[in-house]
Amino acid sequence: VPNTEWLKGSPIEMSPRGEIIVDAHGMTSVPGVFAAGDVTTVPYKQIIIAMGEGAKASLGAFDYLIRN
């Protein structure tokens, strides 16, 4: 169970299971807000996957900041 209770009522879109929905770059439904790891809709909940997703989200955030 993801620890996303604190996001309820926020504009961040979540799945029925309480996971944060992200795109291929880790961006949420709120432009400029990124998420990674076990709280997202990434199917495999393993440490190495979460680390890779964190790297991907940080690069996505960097790209977003450069372009906006």
Protein backbone atom coordinates (compact mmCIF):
# COMPACT_ATOMS: atom_id res chain seq x y z
CA VAL A 1 0.00 0.00 0.00
CA PRO A 2 1.61 3.28 -1.08
CA ASN A 3 1.98 6.05 1.50
CA THR A 4 -0.03 8.65 -0.43
CA GLU A 5 -2.79 9.37 2.07
CA TRP A 6 -1.50 12.94 2.45
CA LEU A 7 -2.15 13.60 -1.26
CA LYS A 8 -5.90 12.96 -1.09
CA GLY A 9 -7.75 16.11 -2.07
CA SER A 10 -4.77 17.39 -4.07
CA PRO A 11 -4.88 17.88 -7.85
CA ILE A 12 -2.41 15.01 -8.34
CA GLU A 13 -4.16 12.17 -10.17
CA MET A 14 -4.01 8.81 -8.42
CA SER A 15 -5.01 5.27 -9.32
CA PRO A 16 -7.78 3.41 -7.48
CA ARG A 17 -5.01 1.67 -5.50
CA GLY A 18 -3.68 5.03 -4.27
CA GLU A 19 -0.63 5.12 -6.55
CA ILE A 20 0.49 8.37 -8.16
CA ILE A 21 -0.07 8.28 -11.92
CA VAL A 22 3.04 9.40 -13.81
CA ASP A 23 4.01 9.66 -17.46
CA ALA A 24 7.12 8.18 -19.08
CA HIS A 25 9.25 10.99 -17.59
CA GLY A 26 7.86 10.72 -14.06
CA MET A 27 5.65 13.82 -14.29
CA THR A 28 2.34 13.74 -12.48
CA SER A 29 -0.93 15.30 -13.66
CA VAL A 30 0.33 18.59 -12.21
CA PRO A 31 2.86 20.20 -14.58
CA GLY A 32 6.28 20.46 -12.94
CA VAL A 33 5.52 17.94 -10.18
CA PHE A 34 7.40 14.65 -10.51
CA ALA A 35 7.22 11.39 -8.57
CA ALA A 36 9.13 8.12 -8.51
CA GLY A 37 9.40 4.86 -6.64
CA ASP A 38 6.90 2.56 -5.02
CA VAL A 39 4.20 5.26 -4.73
CA THR A 40 3.81 5.46 -8.52
CA THR A 41 2.05 3.23 -11.03
CA VAL A 42 5.31 1.54 -12.05
CA PRO A 43 4.43 -2.18 -12.01
CA TYR A 44 7.50 -3.65 -10.30
CA LYS A 45 8.08 -2.60 -6.69
CA GLN A 46 11.77 -3.36 -6.23
CA ILE A 47 14.61 -1.19 -4.92
CA ILE A 48 16.59 -1.22 -8.16
CA ILE A 49 13.49 -0.28 -10.17
CA ALA A 50 12.72 2.59 -7.77
CA MET A 51 16.31 3.84 -8.10
CA GLY A 52 16.06 3.85 -11.88
CA GLU A 53 12.69 5.57 -11.77
CA GLY A 54 14.14 8.21 -9.45
CA ALA A 55 16.95 8.89 -11.91
CA LYS A 56 14.45 9.08 -14.76
CA ALA A 57 12.17 11.47 -12.84
CA SER A 58 15.11 13.72 -11.91
CA LEU A 59 16.16 13.92 -15.56
CA GLY A 60 12.55 14.61 -16.53
CA ALA A 61 12.38 17.41 -13.94
CA PHE A 62 15.68 18.86 -15.18
CA ASP A 63 14.41 18.81 -18.77
CA TYR A 64 11.14 20.42 -17.68
CA LEU A 65 12.99 23.23 -15.88
CA ILE A 66 15.29 23.88 -18.84
CA ARG A 67 12.40 24.06 -21.31
CA ASN A 68 10.01 26.10 -19.19
